Amino acid sequence: MSDTTPRPFTLRDLSLPSRLTLAVFLVTVGLGYVAALFNLRAQEGRPGEFMPSADDVVKIYHRNPAGVSQLERLLESHPSLPFNGQGSMRAAFTRQVAGGWEAARRRKAEAMKLDLSKAEDRANVELAVQLDLEGERQALVHWVRKGLPKADYEANRHALPAEMGLVPISERFVEVDNGVRYAKIKSIIDVRCARCHDERVGGPGSEYPLTSYARLAPYGNPEGPTGKSLSKLALSTHVHLLGTTILFALSGFILSFSGYPALLRAIICPLPLVAFLADVACQWLARLDPPAGEYFARAIVVTGGLVAAGLGTQVLLGLFALFGTTGRAVLTVLILLAGLGGYAVKEKFFDPMLEKEAKEAKANDPIPPGQPSPPVRHKVSTLERLLEAPADEEFNINGSMRSAFTTRLAGRGGWERIAAQSLKIDPKDRKAMAKNKDRIEKELYRLTDGERRAVVEWVRQGLGKEAYEEDRFELKGGLADMRITPKFVEEEEGKRFAKVKSIFQARCARCHDTGVSARYANQIPLTNYDEIADYYRRKD
């Protein structure tokens, strides 16, 4: 008896033109997804990294784990991050984005009585303008950390702490009254932020206007979500669910008519759709309060990986199901050639691009001395926290030790002379010293903060014992050219080395020593490597 059961229809039953059309469609879908990955990398990736990390995804969809407001995060994050609401807005206070650079240069040159036609004078003027911009940013960050006081915004007058007394700020944004410096917060926001974040100007920034306190305040709430806004989530969900899912459904539908085992098809065909729905759901659930929201945000990495794996499997299996032995051999050769071509592109273009980005982000670090580092998204040592916490926090083990590197606490013996010499001013010339008093004070601030940054970098690189004992820590990248007190730095064969041991003894151990009478500090000695390492091993 013969089996009269009809053979199920498969892709091989289609005509050659139909199969070629489906093959091109599958290849196009695969390339489209690769393009989407490149777009994701361009929009959310960090310089030098192939794709956003799990921590980046948490920041994008949930909130900054440090618990700061979105406004503070955007003002503090490294300016090399994407210039958007999930990256950084710090670049708004740099030469590249701030606007009015040439006018500011001319005003500063006139105020400093320097000649812009001379290279040395021009360099000093441009540094001063950049430091003024950085001072504006620091003043704005201080206002945000104080809770965005509405009265200060409306009065355009925010009192700055004594620790910021030497931080330069553009003259038009600061005033002094009875010895207290006040930053014109509203003016800073109007000039640096609202000029783009205004619904009347158009562009991406106009969707998030910052032209009034009511519009600004929600971004300063440290308890609120700092990830993607509801409007952005709604838009991306609408576009992707109605567009991307159609492509996933078609690629799965094509594979469903292949001759592969039914169980395999039952798993692979709907996999990208199911994973994508889970991905979208996690994006919304990531807005929940911690810890649930963070878990869902981290799950996005998994669901995204499943989408990529499922779609890639669909495309490859679908292509091989369309052709016989000869066609599959041709496909294998083409796929191998495409792989070799992709590898060559990666080696010749993509990897050098990532390496260049990483080097530029480090070597051309636009973060001047004296500013807090970007919020750290992982546990750091107690030592690093104390050195990096804002100087206006309480000066103790629970607050900040940054003030040990300011003129308020670092000691000033002979430093005016050192700062003057750094500016090529004769310290014996009393008239020159008096005339350049402000410049000398600012230079003194930069020199001492250079010491702090050197120590912070030494800590971040693992507290090298050899570098401490030899009093010789190499300064690399963006730190190689920073200002630092001359007695704590030396140069050799084009390299610069910070004397971290000497810095600790001068700035820390002078109080943190059992032999001194400093209140409480003598109970936490930092006179040798082992004592310092104890606070490196502690994690906050």
Protein backbone atom coordinates (compact mmCIF):
# COMPACT_ATOMS: atom_id res chain seq x y z
CA MET A 1 0.00 0.00 0.00
CA SER A 2 1.46 3.37 -0.98
CA ASP A 3 1.41 6.41 1.28
CA THR A 4 -0.91 8.96 -0.30
CA THR A 5 -0.30 11.65 2.34
CA PRO A 6 0.74 14.79 0.45
CA ARG A 7 4.23 16.07 1.14
CA PRO A 8 4.20 19.33 3.11
CA PHE A 9 4.96 22.46 1.14
CA THR A 10 8.51 23.74 1.66
CA LEU A 11 10.56 26.65 0.42
CA ARG A 12 12.25 24.43 -2.16
CA ASP A 13 8.89 24.12 -3.94
CA LEU A 14 9.00 27.80 -4.89
CA SER A 15 10.35 28.93 -8.23
CA LEU A 16 13.95 30.15 -8.41
CA PRO A 17 12.95 33.83 -8.79
CA SER A 18 10.75 33.55 -5.69
CA ARG A 19 13.54 31.92 -3.69
CA LEU A 20 16.08 34.51 -4.80
CA THR A 21 13.69 37.28 -3.77
CA LEU A 22 13.25 35.72 -0.31
CA ALA A 23 17.01 35.27 0.00
CA VAL A 24 17.64 38.94 -0.76
CA PHE A 25 14.90 39.87 1.71
CA LEU A 26 16.53 37.83 4.50
CA VAL A 27 19.94 39.35 3.75
CA THR A 28 18.41 42.83 3.80
CA VAL A 29 16.76 42.17 7.17
CA GLY A 30 20.07 40.95 8.57
CA LEU A 31 21.97 43.99 7.28
CA GLY A 32 19.24 46.27 8.59
CA TYR A 33 19.65 44.82 12.06
CA VAL A 34 23.43 45.30 11.85
CA ALA A 35 22.80 48.93 10.89
CA ALA A 36 20.49 49.25 13.91
CA LEU A 37 23.34 48.03 16.14
CA PHE A 38 25.67 50.66 14.67
CA ASN A 39 23.02 53.30 15.36
CA LEU A 40 22.68 52.06 18.94
CA ARG A 41 26.42 52.28 19.35
CA ALA A 42 26.49 55.80 17.91
CA GLN A 43 23.63 57.04 20.11
CA GLU A 44 24.41 55.33 23.42
CA GLY A 45 27.95 53.94 23.23
CA ARG A 46 30.95 55.27 25.10
CA PRO A 47 34.14 56.35 23.32
CA GLY A 48 36.33 53.33 22.67
CA GLU A 49 33.64 50.76 23.51
CA PHE A 50 31.88 48.59 20.96
CA MET A 51 28.46 48.61 22.64
CA PRO A 52 26.84 50.11 25.74
CA SER A 53 27.59 48.09 28.87
CA ALA A 54 25.02 46.77 31.33
CA ASP A 55 25.71 49.79 33.55
CA ASP A 56 25.09 52.10 30.60
CA VAL A 57 21.76 50.39 29.95
CA VAL A 58 20.79 50.90 33.59
CA LYS A 59 21.57 54.60 33.24
CA ILE A 60 19.66 54.89 29.97
CA TYR A 61 16.47 53.10 31.01
CA HIS A 62 16.42 53.22 34.81
CA ARG A 63 18.43 55.86 36.63
CA ASN A 64 21.92 56.65 37.70
CA PRO A 65 22.78 54.11 40.45
CA ALA A 66 24.48 56.92 42.37
CA GLY A 67 20.99 58.26 43.09
CA VAL A 68 21.56 61.72 41.65
CA SER A 69 19.06 63.70 39.62
CA GLN A 70 19.10 63.62 35.85
CA LEU A 71 20.18 67.26 35.76
CA GLU A 72 23.21 66.63 37.97
CA ARG A 73 24.13 63.50 36.04
CA LEU A 74 24.03 65.33 32.71
CA LEU A 75 26.14 68.18 34.09
CA GLU A 76 28.70 65.84 35.66
CA SER A 77 29.05 63.02 33.11
CA HIS A 78 32.12 63.07 30.90
CA PRO A 79 31.63 65.39 27.90
CA SER A 80 32.81 62.69 25.47
CA LEU A 81 29.54 60.80 26.04
CA PRO A 82 26.73 61.30 23.48
CA PHE A 83 25.40 64.86 23.66
CA ASN A 84 21.83 63.93 24.62
CA GLY A 85 19.57 63.23 27.59
CA GLN A 86 21.06 59.78 28.20
CA GLY A 87 24.70 60.82 27.75
CA SER A 88 26.10 64.16 28.88
CA MET A 89 25.35 67.87 28.59
CA ARG A 90 28.69 68.88 30.05
CA ALA A 91 29.91 69.88 26.60
CA ALA A 92 27.54 72.87 26.79
CA PHE A 93 30.25 74.39 28.98
CA THR A 94 33.12 73.80 26.57
CA ARG A 95 34.57 75.70 23.65
CA GLN A 96 32.95 73.35 21.14
CA VAL A 97 29.33 73.88 22.22
CA ALA A 98 29.05 76.85 24.59
CA GLY A 99 28.90 79.51 21.86
CA GLY A 100 30.25 83.06 22.01
CA TRP A 101 33.83 81.80 22.31
CA GLU A 102 35.44 84.54 20.24
CA ALA A 103 33.61 87.32 22.07
CA ALA A 104 34.56 85.77 25.41
CA ARG A 105 38.18 85.57 24.27
CA ARG A 106 38.25 89.23 23.35
CA ARG A 107 36.68 90.29 26.65
CA LYS A 108 39.07 88.12 28.63
CA ALA A 109 42.12 89.34 26.72
CA GLU A 110 41.09 92.94 27.41
CA ALA A 111 40.52 92.20 31.10
CA MET A 112 43.86 90.39 31.41
CA LYS A 113 45.64 93.02 29.26
CA LEU A 114 47.07 90.31 27.00
CA ASP A 115 47.71 90.30 23.27
CA LEU A 116 45.83 87.62 21.31
CA SER A 117 48.34 87.84 18.48
CA LYS A 118 50.97 86.30 20.76
CA ALA A 119 50.80 82.52 21.10
CA GLU A 120 51.58 82.45 24.83
CA ASP A 121 49.07 85.17 25.66
CA ARG A 122 46.45 83.52 23.48
CA ALA A 123 46.94 80.19 25.26
CA ASN A 124 46.56 81.89 28.67
CA VAL A 125 43.42 83.69 27.55
CA GLU A 126 41.80 80.55 26.13
CA LEU A 127 42.59 78.60 29.29
CA ALA A 128 41.04 81.37 31.37
CA VAL A 129 37.87 81.36 29.25
CA GLN A 130 37.55 77.57 29.55
CA LEU A 131 38.03 77.79 33.31
CA ASP A 132 35.31 80.46 33.46
CA LEU A 133 32.95 78.08 31.63
CA GLU A 134 33.88 75.30 34.01
CA GLY A 135 33.17 77.63 36.94
CA GLU A 136 29.69 78.30 35.54
CA ARG A 137 29.07 74.56 35.42
CA GLN A 138 30.32 74.02 38.96
CA ALA A 139 28.07 76.83 40.23
CA LEU A 140 25.08 75.26 38.49
CA VAL A 141 25.93 71.82 39.93
CA HIS A 142 26.14 73.34 43.42
CA TRP A 143 22.69 74.88 43.00
CA VAL A 144 21.28 71.54 41.83
CA ARG A 145 22.81 69.68 44.78
CA LYS A 146 21.26 72.20 47.14
CA GLY A 147 17.84 71.16 45.88
CA LEU A 148 17.26 73.73 43.11
CA PRO A 149 16.10 76.50 45.48
CA LYS A 150 13.41 78.39 43.60
CA ALA A 151 14.14 81.71 45.31
CA ASP A 152 17.75 81.63 44.06
CA TYR A 153 16.56 80.99 40.51
CA GLU A 154 13.97 83.74 40.51
CA ALA A 155 16.34 86.24 42.14
CA ASN A 156 19.12 85.12 39.79
CA ARG A 157 21.38 85.03 42.82
CA HIS A 158 22.80 81.82 44.35
CA ALA A 159 25.34 82.09 47.18
CA LEU A 160 28.50 80.09 46.53
CA PRO A 161 30.37 78.38 49.39
CA ALA A 162 33.72 79.61 50.61
CA GLU A 163 35.41 76.59 49.02
CA MET A 164 34.43 77.94 45.61
CA GLY A 165 35.92 81.33 46.37
CA LEU A 166 38.80 80.76 43.97
CA VAL A 167 36.85 79.00 41.24
CA PRO A 168 36.82 81.39 38.26
CA ILE A 169 33.41 82.18 36.75
CA SER A 170 32.56 84.38 33.77
CA GLU A 171 32.28 87.94 35.08
CA ARG A 172 28.79 88.45 33.69
CA PHE A 173 27.48 85.48 35.72
CA VAL A 174 28.87 86.35 39.14
CA GLU A 175 28.66 89.22 41.61
CA VAL A 176 30.17 89.88 45.03
CA ASP A 177 28.27 91.32 47.96
CA ASN A 178 29.79 91.73 51.43
CA GLY A 179 32.52 89.22 50.63
CA VAL A 180 30.08 86.57 49.40
CA ARG A 181 30.07 85.47 45.76
CA TYR A 182 26.71 84.95 44.07
CA ALA A 183 26.21 83.07 40.82
CA LYS A 184 23.51 84.23 38.41
CA ILE A 185 21.96 80.81 38.01
CA LYS A 186 19.03 81.82 35.83
CA SER A 187 21.32 83.69 33.45
CA ILE A 188 23.67 80.71 33.18
CA ILE A 189 20.75 78.39 32.37
CA ASP A 190 19.30 80.83 29.85
CA VAL A 191 22.61 81.24 28.00
CA ARG A 192 24.04 77.70 28.23
CA CYS A 193 20.89 75.55 28.30
CA ALA A 194 17.69 77.32 27.30
CA ARG A 195 19.15 78.67 24.07
CA CYS A 196 18.69 75.15 22.66
CA HIS A 197 16.08 73.83 25.10
CA ASP A 198 13.38 76.20 23.90
CA GLU A 199 10.32 75.10 21.94
CA ARG A 200 10.71 78.16 19.71
CA VAL A 201 14.13 77.24 18.29
CA GLY A 202 13.41 73.78 16.90
CA GLY A 203 15.74 70.80 17.02
CA PRO A 204 15.87 67.89 19.50
CA GLY A 205 16.42 70.20 22.48
CA SER A 206 13.17 72.05 21.84
CA GLU A 207 11.26 68.92 22.91
CA TYR A 208 12.57 69.43 26.45
CA PRO A 209 12.25 73.17 27.17
CA LEU A 210 14.13 74.62 30.14
CA THR A 211 12.86 78.17 29.85
CA SER A 212 11.26 78.36 33.30
CA TYR A 213 11.74 76.98 36.78
CA ALA A 214 8.62 74.81 36.47
CA ARG A 215 10.06 73.11 33.40
CA LEU A 216 13.51 72.74 34.92
CA ALA A 217 12.57 71.44 38.37
CA PRO A 218 11.44 67.89 37.41
CA TYR A 219 14.94 67.13 36.11
CA GLY A 220 16.41 68.02 39.50
CA ASN A 221 14.47 65.41 41.47
CA PRO A 222 17.00 62.81 42.70
CA GLU A 223 14.21 60.39 43.58
CA GLY A 224 12.57 60.44 40.18
CA PRO A 225 13.53 58.24 37.24
CA THR A 226 16.43 59.59 35.21
CA GLY A 227 16.16 57.15 32.32
CA LYS A 228 14.26 57.62 29.08
CA SER A 229 11.21 59.84 29.38
CA LEU A 230 7.71 58.47 28.96
CA SER A 231 7.32 60.37 25.70
CA LYS A 232 10.48 58.85 24.23
CA LEU A 233 9.53 55.36 25.39
CA ALA A 234 6.05 55.72 23.92
CA LEU A 235 7.47 56.90 20.59
CA SER A 236 10.10 54.15 20.32
CA THR A 237 7.59 51.48 21.39
CA HIS A 238 5.06 52.66 18.82
CA VAL A 239 7.60 52.72 15.98
CA HIS A 240 9.28 49.43 16.79
CA LEU A 241 6.19 47.37 17.57
CA LEU A 242 4.53 48.44 14.33
CA GLY A 243 7.64 48.25 12.14
CA THR A 244 10.32 45.92 13.44
CA THR A 245 7.93 43.17 14.45
CA ILE A 246 6.66 42.90 10.86
CA LEU A 247 10.18 42.10 9.66
CA PHE A 248 10.69 39.58 12.48
CA ALA A 249 7.34 37.97 11.67
CA LEU A 250 8.16 37.65 7.96
CA SER A 251 11.60 36.15 8.57
CA GLY A 252 10.06 33.69 11.02
CA PHE A 253 7.23 32.91 8.61
CA ILE A 254 9.73 32.12 5.86
CA LEU A 255 11.65 29.78 8.14
CA SER A 256 8.44 28.02 9.19
CA PHE A 257 8.18 26.58 5.64
CA SER A 258 11.66 25.08 5.74
CA GLY A 259 12.33 21.37 6.05
CA TYR A 260 13.96 21.61 9.47
CA PRO A 261 12.53 19.61 12.42
CA ALA A 262 9.23 20.94 13.73
CA LEU A 263 10.60 21.44 17.28
CA LEU A 264 13.46 23.58 15.99
CA ARG A 265 11.08 25.69 13.93
CA ALA A 266 8.68 26.02 16.86
CA ILE A 267 11.49 27.54 18.92
CA ILE A 268 13.38 29.67 16.40
CA CYS A 269 10.49 31.08 14.33
CA PRO A 270 8.79 33.07 17.14
CA LEU A 271 11.97 33.65 19.20
CA PRO A 272 12.87 37.17 17.95
CA LEU A 273 9.26 38.33 18.37
CA VAL A 274 8.94 36.94 21.90
CA ALA A 275 12.36 38.29 22.91
CA PHE A 276 11.55 41.69 21.40
CA LEU A 277 8.24 41.93 23.28
CA ALA A 278 10.13 41.05 26.47
CA ASP A 279 12.73 43.68 25.60
CA VAL A 280 10.09 46.40 25.23
CA ALA A 281 8.39 45.29 28.45
CA CYS A 282 11.71 45.51 30.32
CA GLN A 283 12.28 49.03 28.98
CA TRP A 284 9.01 50.13 30.59
CA LEU A 285 9.45 48.12 33.78
CA ALA A 286 12.93 49.60 34.20
CA ARG A 287 11.20 52.78 35.40
CA LEU A 288 10.15 51.00 38.61
CA ASP A 289 11.84 51.95 41.86
CA PRO A 290 15.06 50.12 42.83
CA PRO A 291 15.94 47.34 43.02
CA ALA A 292 13.23 45.97 40.67
CA GLY A 293 13.76 48.70 38.07
CA GLU A 294 17.50 48.05 37.89
CA TYR A 295 16.94 44.31 37.45
CA PHE A 296 14.61 44.91 34.54
CA ALA A 297 17.10 47.36 33.02
CA ARG A 298 19.88 44.79 33.19
CA ALA A 299 17.54 42.21 31.65
CA ILE A 300 17.41 44.38 28.52
CA VAL A 301 20.94 43.20 27.70
CA VAL A 302 19.71 39.59 27.79
CA THR A 303 16.53 40.17 25.80
CA GLY A 304 18.44 42.21 23.22
CA GLY A 305 20.96 39.39 22.87
CA LEU A 306 18.14 36.89 22.34
CA VAL A 307 16.64 39.09 19.62
CA ALA A 308 19.99 39.24 17.82
CA ALA A 309 20.65 35.51 18.19
CA GLY A 310 17.13 34.55 17.09
CA LEU A 311 17.13 36.82 14.04
CA GLY A 312 20.63 35.75 13.01
CA THR A 313 19.61 32.09 13.23
CA GLN A 314 16.46 32.74 11.22
CA VAL A 315 18.40 34.47 8.44
CA LEU A 316 21.10 31.81 8.17
CA LEU A 317 18.78 28.80 8.40
CA GLY A 318 16.28 30.45 6.05
CA LEU A 319 18.95 31.09 3.41
CA PHE A 320 20.19 27.49 3.47
CA ALA A 321 16.61 26.17 3.36
CA LEU A 322 15.98 28.00 0.09
CA PHE A 323 18.59 26.15 -1.98
CA GLY A 324 19.96 22.70 -2.73
CA THR A 325 23.50 21.40 -2.50
CA THR A 326 24.95 23.72 -5.13
CA GLY A 327 23.16 26.79 -3.78
CA ARG A 328 24.26 26.01 -0.25
CA ALA A 329 27.87 25.67 -1.38
CA VAL A 330 27.64 29.07 -3.05
CA LEU A 331 26.05 30.53 0.10
CA THR A 332 28.83 29.09 2.27
CA VAL A 333 31.48 30.71 0.08
CA LEU A 334 29.63 34.02 0.08
CA ILE A 335 29.17 33.96 3.87
CA LEU A 336 32.87 33.15 4.37
CA LEU A 337 33.84 35.98 2.05
CA ALA A 338 31.47 38.34 3.87
CA GLY A 339 32.98 37.24 7.20
CA LEU A 340 36.51 37.85 5.95
CA GLY A 341 35.46 41.22 4.57
CA GLY A 342 33.80 42.14 7.86
CA TYR A 343 36.90 41.07 9.79
CA ALA A 344 39.11 43.16 7.50
CA VAL A 345 36.86 46.20 7.98
CA LYS A 346 36.91 45.64 11.73
CA GLU A 347 40.71 45.40 11.84
CA LYS A 348 41.43 48.24 9.42
CA PHE A 349 38.72 50.73 10.26
CA PHE A 350 36.52 49.92 13.25
CA ASP A 351 39.15 48.87 15.83
CA PRO A 352 41.42 51.86 15.00
CA MET A 353 38.37 54.11 15.29
CA LEU A 354 37.56 52.76 18.75
CA GLU A 355 41.19 53.06 19.80
CA LYS A 356 41.35 56.62 18.53
CA GLU A 357 38.15 57.53 20.37
CA ALA A 358 39.50 56.06 23.60
CA LYS A 359 42.80 57.92 23.27
CA GLU A 360 41.13 61.21 22.41
CA ALA A 361 38.72 60.87 25.33
CA LYS A 362 41.65 60.36 27.68
CA ALA A 363 44.44 62.45 26.16
CA ASN A 364 42.23 65.38 25.18
CA ASP A 365 40.21 65.29 28.36
CA PRO A 366 38.44 68.66 28.41
CA ILE A 367 37.86 68.43 32.14
CA PRO A 368 40.01 71.17 33.67
CA PRO A 369 41.53 70.88 37.16
CA GLY A 370 39.21 71.64 40.02
CA GLN A 371 36.05 69.92 38.85
CA PRO A 372 34.43 66.82 40.30
CA SER A 373 34.82 63.67 38.27
CA PRO A 374 31.76 62.14 36.58
CA PRO A 375 29.47 60.17 38.91
CA VAL A 376 30.91 56.71 39.51
CA ARG A 377 28.48 53.89 38.74
CA HIS A 378 30.20 51.24 40.84
CA LYS A 379 31.43 50.91 44.36
CA VAL A 380 34.57 52.90 44.98
CA SER A 381 37.09 52.88 47.79
CA THR A 382 36.55 55.13 50.78
CA LEU A 383 39.78 56.87 49.83
CA GLU A 384 38.57 57.73 46.33
CA ARG A 385 35.21 58.94 47.61
CA LEU A 386 36.82 61.25 50.14
CA LEU A 387 39.13 62.72 47.50
CA GLU A 388 36.38 63.16 44.91
CA ALA A 389 33.39 64.28 47.00
CA PRO A 390 32.51 67.99 46.57
CA ALA A 391 34.54 70.31 48.79
CA ASP A 392 31.42 71.88 50.27
CA GLU A 393 30.49 68.64 52.04
CA GLU A 394 31.36 68.25 55.72
CA PHE A 395 35.10 67.89 56.29
CA ASN A 396 35.21 64.45 57.91
CA ILE A 397 35.34 60.74 57.12
CA ASN A 398 31.65 60.71 56.17
CA GLY A 399 31.83 63.79 53.97
CA SER A 400 34.80 64.98 51.93
CA MET A 401 38.55 65.46 52.28
CA ARG A 402 38.83 67.44 49.06
CA SER A 403 39.35 70.64 51.02
CA ALA A 404 42.78 69.34 52.08
CA PHE A 405 43.81 70.40 48.58
CA THR A 406 42.38 73.91 48.76
CA THR A 407 44.01 77.02 50.15
CA ARG A 408 41.60 76.87 53.09
CA LEU A 409 43.26 73.77 54.56
CA ALA A 410 46.30 72.84 52.53
CA GLY A 411 48.58 75.44 54.08
CA ARG A 412 50.04 78.35 52.15
CA GLY A 413 53.65 78.79 53.17
CA GLY A 414 55.44 80.44 50.27
CA TRP A 415 52.86 79.28 47.79
CA GLU A 416 52.08 82.71 46.41
CA ARG A 417 55.70 82.82 45.28
CA ILE A 418 55.41 79.35 43.69
CA ALA A 419 52.18 80.26 41.91
CA ALA A 420 53.68 83.56 40.70
CA GLN A 421 56.72 81.77 39.29
CA SER A 422 54.42 79.32 37.53
CA LEU A 423 52.84 82.34 35.80
CA LYS A 424 56.28 83.80 35.08
CA ILE A 425 55.71 86.70 37.46
CA ASP A 426 58.62 87.90 39.57
CA PRO A 427 57.56 87.29 43.21
CA LYS A 428 59.88 90.13 44.29
CA ASP A 429 57.98 92.60 42.15
CA ARG A 430 55.35 93.78 44.62
CA LYS A 431 53.43 95.81 42.05
CA ALA A 432 53.23 92.84 39.68
CA MET A 433 52.18 90.59 42.54
CA ALA A 434 49.43 93.00 43.61
CA LYS A 435 48.26 93.57 40.04
CA ASN A 436 48.01 89.83 39.34
CA LYS A 437 46.64 88.80 42.72
CA ASP A 438 43.54 87.11 41.27
CA ARG A 439 45.56 85.24 38.65
CA ILE A 440 47.99 84.04 41.31
CA GLU A 441 45.14 82.85 43.53
CA LYS A 442 43.59 80.92 40.63
CA GLU A 443 46.92 79.43 39.67
CA LEU A 444 47.45 78.34 43.26
CA TYR A 445 44.06 76.61 43.15
CA ARG A 446 44.98 74.79 39.93
CA LEU A 447 48.36 73.66 41.28
CA THR A 448 46.92 72.15 44.46
CA ASP A 449 44.04 70.51 42.66
CA GLY A 450 46.57 69.02 40.25
CA GLU A 451 48.07 67.26 43.27
CA ARG A 452 44.65 65.86 44.17
CA ARG A 453 43.97 64.61 40.65
CA ALA A 454 47.34 62.85 40.56
CA VAL A 455 46.53 61.06 43.82
CA VAL A 456 43.04 60.12 42.61
CA GLU A 457 44.50 58.57 39.44
CA TRP A 458 47.03 56.64 41.51
CA VAL A 459 44.17 55.31 43.65
CA ARG A 460 42.08 54.35 40.61
CA GLN A 461 44.99 52.44 39.11
CA GLY A 462 45.18 50.18 42.14
CA LEU A 463 47.32 52.04 44.68
CA GLY A 464 50.66 50.89 43.27
CA LYS A 465 53.00 50.23 46.17
CA GLU A 466 56.15 50.66 44.11
CA ALA A 467 55.01 54.05 42.84
CA TYR A 468 54.35 55.13 46.45
CA GLU A 469 57.61 53.88 47.90
CA GLU A 470 59.66 55.35 45.05
CA ASP A 471 57.58 58.54 45.27
CA ARG A 472 57.18 58.37 41.51
CA PHE A 473 53.82 57.88 39.77
CA GLU A 474 53.73 58.46 36.00
CA LEU A 475 51.12 60.93 34.77
CA LYS A 476 49.57 59.84 31.49
CA GLY A 477 46.85 60.92 29.08
CA GLY A 478 44.92 63.99 30.10
CA LEU A 479 46.98 64.33 33.32
CA ALA A 480 50.32 64.52 31.56
CA ASP A 481 50.11 68.27 30.94
CA MET A 482 48.06 69.42 33.91
CA ARG A 483 49.35 72.05 36.31
CA ILE A 484 50.72 70.69 39.57
CA THR A 485 52.82 72.17 42.36
CA PRO A 486 56.42 71.95 41.05
CA LYS A 487 57.88 70.38 44.18
CA PHE A 488 55.53 67.42 43.75
CA VAL A 489 56.34 66.65 40.12
CA GLU A 490 59.44 65.74 38.13
CA GLU A 491 60.17 65.17 34.47
CA GLU A 492 62.40 62.64 32.80
CA GLU A 493 62.76 61.80 29.10
CA GLY A 494 59.55 63.58 28.19
CA LYS A 495 57.54 61.87 30.95
CA ARG A 496 56.12 63.47 34.10
CA PHE A 497 55.96 61.78 37.49
CA ALA A 498 53.93 62.85 40.53
CA LYS A 499 55.42 62.39 44.00
CA VAL A 500 52.37 60.76 45.55
CA LYS A 501 54.10 59.88 48.80
CA SER A 502 55.24 63.45 49.29
CA ILE A 503 51.75 64.72 48.48
CA PHE A 504 50.24 62.42 51.12
CA GLN A 505 52.75 63.55 53.70
CA ALA A 506 52.12 67.23 52.97
CA ARG A 507 48.35 67.19 52.58
CA CYS A 508 47.16 64.22 54.65
CA ALA A 509 49.71 62.88 57.12
CA ARG A 510 50.36 66.31 58.62
CA CYS A 511 47.01 65.86 60.39
CA HIS A 512 46.49 62.09 60.07
CA ASP A 513 49.37 61.18 62.35
CA THR A 514 49.18 59.78 65.88
CA GLY A 515 51.89 62.25 66.85
CA VAL A 516 49.83 65.37 66.18
CA SER A 517 46.98 66.91 68.11
CA ALA A 518 44.58 67.29 65.18
CA ARG A 519 41.06 66.61 66.36
CA TYR A 520 39.94 63.07 65.39
CA ALA A 521 42.37 62.98 62.43
CA ASN A 522 45.16 61.54 64.59
CA GLN A 523 42.92 58.52 65.18
CA ILE A 524 43.09 57.68 61.46
CA PRO A 525 46.83 57.67 60.64
CA LEU A 526 47.91 57.85 56.99
CA THR A 527 51.67 57.97 57.48
CA ASN A 528 52.64 54.87 55.47
CA TYR A 529 51.46 52.71 52.60
CA ASP A 530 49.71 50.07 54.72
CA GLU A 531 47.65 52.69 56.57
CA ILE A 532 46.61 54.29 53.28
CA ALA A 533 45.85 50.90 51.70
CA ASP A 534 43.37 50.16 54.48
CA TYR A 535 41.13 52.96 53.21
CA TYR A 536 41.62 51.80 49.66
CA ARG A 537 40.31 48.33 50.52
CA ARG A 538 37.20 49.75 52.17
CA LYS A 539 34.33 50.16 49.73
CA ASP A 540 31.49 52.68 49.90
